[in-house]
Amino acid sequence: MANIRRFEDVEAWKKGRELAKDVYTVTSTGKFTKDYGLKDQIRRAVVSVISNIAEGFSRQTDKEFVQFLFIAKGSAAEVQSQLYIAVDLGYISQEEFTKLYNQADEVARLLAGFTKYLKGAGS
């Protein structure tokens, strides 16, 4: 893992952390605050992204790390899906939706690339 000494060095984790902060910000205002189910679900999903990167990093093998990166990528997609509900219900603006969706997409792309790298390193 080249220059990655801590999970905090993983670019997808850094971007995921920004996404988590932004999701928490939008879910703390307006109508979103009253929809406890959706608010809690999207927050759990976004926390899952960076938590799985950290947990996978602590594993002893690239193979195990890759499994956790797949889970993190799935959580990023879950965030994107929940953003559709939020914009459809008027909890967030189209602009907020686009920004957060694109952030989650960037995290997912970074995770896919890192997964490909780790799978190649293991062969």
C-alpha atoms as a PDB file:
ATOM      1  CA  MET A   1       0.000   0.000   0.000  1.00  0.00           C
ATOM      2  CA  ALA A   2       2.523   2.540  -1.249  1.00  0.00           C
ATOM      3  CA  ASN A   3       2.499   5.625   1.017  1.00  0.00           C
ATOM      4  CA  ILE A   4      -0.583   4.683   2.983  1.00  0.00           C
ATOM      5  CA  ARG A   5       0.371   4.185   6.602  1.00  0.00           C
ATOM      6  CA  ARG A   6      -2.968   4.967   8.245  1.00  0.00           C
ATOM      7  CA  PHE A   7      -6.554   4.727   7.089  1.00  0.00           C
ATOM      8  CA  GLU A   8      -6.645   8.519   7.191  1.00  0.00           C
ATOM      9  CA  ASP A   9      -4.194   8.492   4.268  1.00  0.00           C
ATOM     10  CA  VAL A  10      -6.703   6.736   1.991  1.00  0.00           C
ATOM     11  CA  GLU A  11      -8.069   9.334  -0.441  1.00  0.00           C
ATOM     12  CA  ALA A  12     -11.527   7.718  -0.477  1.00  0.00           C
ATOM     13  CA  TRP A  13     -11.652   8.024   3.321  1.00  0.00           C
ATOM     14  CA  LYS A  14     -10.760  11.730   3.142  1.00  0.00           C
ATOM     15  CA  LYS A  15     -13.475  12.401   0.553  1.00  0.00           C
ATOM     16  CA  GLY A  16     -15.910  10.216   2.474  1.00  0.00           C
ATOM     17  CA  ARG A  17     -15.263  12.274   5.596  1.00  0.00           C
ATOM     18  CA  GLU A  18     -16.163  15.453   3.687  1.00  0.00           C
ATOM     19  CA  LEU A  19     -19.302  13.767   2.378  1.00  0.00           C
ATOM     20  CA  ALA A  20     -20.272  12.713   5.904  1.00  0.00           C
ATOM     21  CA  LYS A  21     -19.875  16.262   7.196  1.00  0.00           C
ATOM     22  CA  ASP A  22     -21.999  17.618   4.350  1.00  0.00           C
ATOM     23  CA  VAL A  23     -24.709  14.980   4.806  1.00  0.00           C
ATOM     24  CA  TYR A  24     -24.877  15.753   8.518  1.00  0.00           C
ATOM     25  CA  THR A  25     -25.168  19.459   7.699  1.00  0.00           C
ATOM     26  CA  VAL A  26     -28.110  19.086   5.295  1.00  0.00           C
ATOM     27  CA  THR A  27     -29.902  16.599   7.540  1.00  0.00           C
ATOM     28  CA  SER A  28     -29.689  19.052  10.461  1.00  0.00           C
ATOM     29  CA  THR A  29     -31.852  21.701   8.810  1.00  0.00           C
ATOM     30  CA  GLY A  30     -35.354  22.190   7.515  1.00  0.00           C
ATOM     31  CA  LYS A  31     -37.823  19.391   6.903  1.00  0.00           C
ATOM     32  CA  PHE A  32     -35.064  16.770   7.021  1.00  0.00           C
ATOM     33  CA  THR A  33     -34.777  17.147  10.790  1.00  0.00           C
ATOM     34  CA  LYS A  34     -38.304  15.808  11.307  1.00  0.00           C
ATOM     35  CA  ASP A  35     -37.966  12.700   9.115  1.00  0.00           C
ATOM     36  CA  TYR A  36     -36.125  10.656  11.700  1.00  0.00           C
ATOM     37  CA  GLY A  37     -36.145   7.473   9.650  1.00  0.00           C
ATOM     38  CA  LEU A  38     -34.577   8.870   6.490  1.00  0.00           C
ATOM     39  CA  LYS A  39     -32.256  11.180   8.425  1.00  0.00           C
ATOM     40  CA  ASP A  40     -30.927   8.313  10.536  1.00  0.00           C
ATOM     41  CA  GLN A  41     -30.645   5.949   7.561  1.00  0.00           C
ATOM     42  CA  ILE A  42     -28.666   8.321   5.342  1.00  0.00           C
ATOM     43  CA  ARG A  43     -26.428   9.218   8.275  1.00  0.00           C
ATOM     44  CA  ARG A  44     -25.777   5.547   9.047  1.00  0.00           C
ATOM     45  CA  ALA A  45     -24.985   4.897   5.391  1.00  0.00           C
ATOM     46  CA  VAL A  46     -22.528   7.780   5.104  1.00  0.00           C
ATOM     47  CA  VAL A  47     -20.812   6.794   8.354  1.00  0.00           C
ATOM     48  CA  SER A  48     -20.604   3.237   7.032  1.00  0.00           C
ATOM     49  CA  VAL A  49     -18.529   4.445   4.087  1.00  0.00           C
ATOM     50  CA  ILE A  50     -15.627   5.728   6.161  1.00  0.00           C
ATOM     51  CA  SER A  51     -16.047   3.155   8.929  1.00  0.00           C
ATOM     52  CA  ASN A  52     -15.646   0.271   6.499  1.00  0.00           C
ATOM     53  CA  ILE A  53     -12.564   1.835   4.945  1.00  0.00           C
ATOM     54  CA  ALA A  54     -11.027   2.174   8.410  1.00  0.00           C
ATOM     55  CA  GLU A  55     -12.008  -1.327   9.482  1.00  0.00           C
ATOM     56  CA  GLY A  56     -10.796  -2.882   6.249  1.00  0.00           C
ATOM     57  CA  PHE A  57      -7.496  -1.069   6.561  1.00  0.00           C
ATOM     58  CA  SER A  58      -6.912  -2.710   9.927  1.00  0.00           C
ATOM     59  CA  ARG A  59      -7.246  -6.193   8.425  1.00  0.00           C
ATOM     60  CA  GLN A  60      -4.136  -8.199   7.753  1.00  0.00           C
ATOM     61  CA  THR A  61      -4.629  -8.900   4.059  1.00  0.00           C
ATOM     62  CA  ASP A  62      -5.489  -7.009   0.897  1.00  0.00           C
ATOM     63  CA  LYS A  63      -8.213  -9.597   0.251  1.00  0.00           C
ATOM     64  CA  GLU A  64      -9.996  -8.699   3.479  1.00  0.00           C
ATOM     65  CA  PHE A  65      -9.469  -4.987   2.855  1.00  0.00           C
ATOM     66  CA  VAL A  66     -11.077  -5.346  -0.571  1.00  0.00           C
ATOM     67  CA  GLN A  67     -14.170  -6.934   1.008  1.00  0.00           C
ATOM     68  CA  PHE A  68     -14.618  -3.900   3.249  1.00  0.00           C
ATOM     69  CA  LEU A  69     -14.033  -1.517   0.345  1.00  0.00           C
ATOM     70  CA  PHE A  70     -16.872  -3.240  -1.524  1.00  0.00           C
ATOM     71  CA  ILE A  71     -19.133  -2.678   1.479  1.00  0.00           C
ATOM     72  CA  ALA A  72     -18.065   0.973   1.653  1.00  0.00           C
ATOM     73  CA  LYS A  73     -18.849   1.387  -2.054  1.00  0.00           C
ATOM     74  CA  GLY A  74     -22.286  -0.128  -1.479  1.00  0.00           C
ATOM     75  CA  SER A  75     -22.900   2.339   1.322  1.00  0.00           C
ATOM     76  CA  ALA A  76     -21.979   5.215  -0.994  1.00  0.00           C
ATOM     77  CA  ALA A  77     -24.624   3.962  -3.443  1.00  0.00           C
ATOM     78  CA  GLU A  78     -27.096   3.745  -0.564  1.00  0.00           C
ATOM     79  CA  VAL A  79     -26.430   7.413   0.212  1.00  0.00           C
ATOM     80  CA  GLN A  80     -27.070   8.282  -3.439  1.00  0.00           C
ATOM     81  CA  SER A  81     -30.364   6.399  -3.454  1.00  0.00           C
ATOM     82  CA  GLN A  82     -31.514   8.116  -0.278  1.00  0.00           C
ATOM     83  CA  LEU A  83     -30.616  11.489  -1.757  1.00  0.00           C
ATOM     84  CA  TYR A  84     -33.251  10.863  -4.434  1.00  0.00           C
ATOM     85  CA  ILE A  85     -35.872  10.441  -1.729  1.00  0.00           C
ATOM     86  CA  ALA A  86     -34.682  13.614   0.000  1.00  0.00           C
ATOM     87  CA  VAL A  87     -34.883  15.725  -3.154  1.00  0.00           C
ATOM     88  CA  ASP A  88     -38.212  14.180  -4.205  1.00  0.00           C
ATOM     89  CA  LEU A  89     -39.712  15.086  -0.820  1.00  0.00           C
ATOM     90  CA  GLY A  90     -38.299  18.611  -0.935  1.00  0.00           C
ATOM     91  CA  TYR A  91     -35.912  18.084   1.986  1.00  0.00           C
ATOM     92  CA  ILE A  92     -32.959  19.248  -0.096  1.00  0.00           C
ATOM     93  CA  SER A  93     -32.672  21.412  -3.185  1.00  0.00           C
ATOM     94  CA  GLN A  94     -31.675  20.091  -6.594  1.00  0.00           C
ATOM     95  CA  GLU A  95     -28.361  21.905  -6.136  1.00  0.00           C
ATOM     96  CA  GLU A  96     -27.706  20.166  -2.795  1.00  0.00           C
ATOM     97  CA  PHE A  97     -28.711  16.848  -4.336  1.00  0.00           C
ATOM     98  CA  THR A  98     -26.295  17.275  -7.238  1.00  0.00           C
ATOM     99  CA  LYS A  99     -23.419  18.304  -4.989  1.00  0.00           C
ATOM    100  CA  LEU A 100     -23.880  15.412  -2.537  1.00  0.00           C
ATOM    101  CA  TYR A 101     -24.607  12.874  -5.281  1.00  0.00           C
ATOM    102  CA  ASN A 102     -21.418  13.857  -7.092  1.00  0.00           C
ATOM    103  CA  GLN A 103     -19.414  13.667  -3.873  1.00  0.00           C
ATOM    104  CA  ALA A 104     -20.713  10.146  -3.233  1.00  0.00           C
ATOM    105  CA  ASP A 105     -19.944   9.256  -6.844  1.00  0.00           C
ATOM    106  CA  GLU A 106     -16.376  10.479  -6.446  1.00  0.00           C
ATOM    107  CA  VAL A 107     -15.961   8.363  -3.309  1.00  0.00           C
ATOM    108  CA  ALA A 108     -17.346   5.327  -5.151  1.00  0.00           C
ATOM    109  CA  ARG A 109     -14.942   5.861  -8.070  1.00  0.00           C
ATOM    110  CA  LEU A 110     -11.984   6.207  -5.695  1.00  0.00           C
ATOM    111  CA  LEU A 111     -13.036   3.018  -3.930  1.00  0.00           C
ATOM    112  CA  ALA A 112     -13.350   1.166  -7.235  1.00  0.00           C
ATOM    113  CA  GLY A 113      -9.898   2.301  -8.321  1.00  0.00           C
ATOM    114  CA  PHE A 114      -8.323   1.431  -4.986  1.00  0.00           C
ATOM    115  CA  THR A 115     -10.007  -1.972  -5.025  1.00  0.00           C
ATOM    116  CA  LYS A 116      -8.652  -2.637  -8.518  1.00  0.00           C
ATOM    117  CA  TYR A 117      -5.168  -1.603  -7.354  1.00  0.00           C
ATOM    118  CA  LEU A 118      -5.297  -3.895  -4.302  1.00  0.00           C
ATOM    119  CA  LYS A 119      -6.601  -6.823  -6.322  1.00  0.00           C
ATOM    120  CA  GLY A 120      -3.759  -6.324  -8.791  1.00  0.00           C
ATOM    121  CA  ALA A 121      -1.206  -6.134  -5.993  1.00  0.00           C
ATOM    122  CA  GLY A 122      -2.438  -9.446  -4.637  1.00  0.00           C
ATOM    123  CA  SER A 123      -2.028 -11.386  -7.876  1.00  0.00           C
END
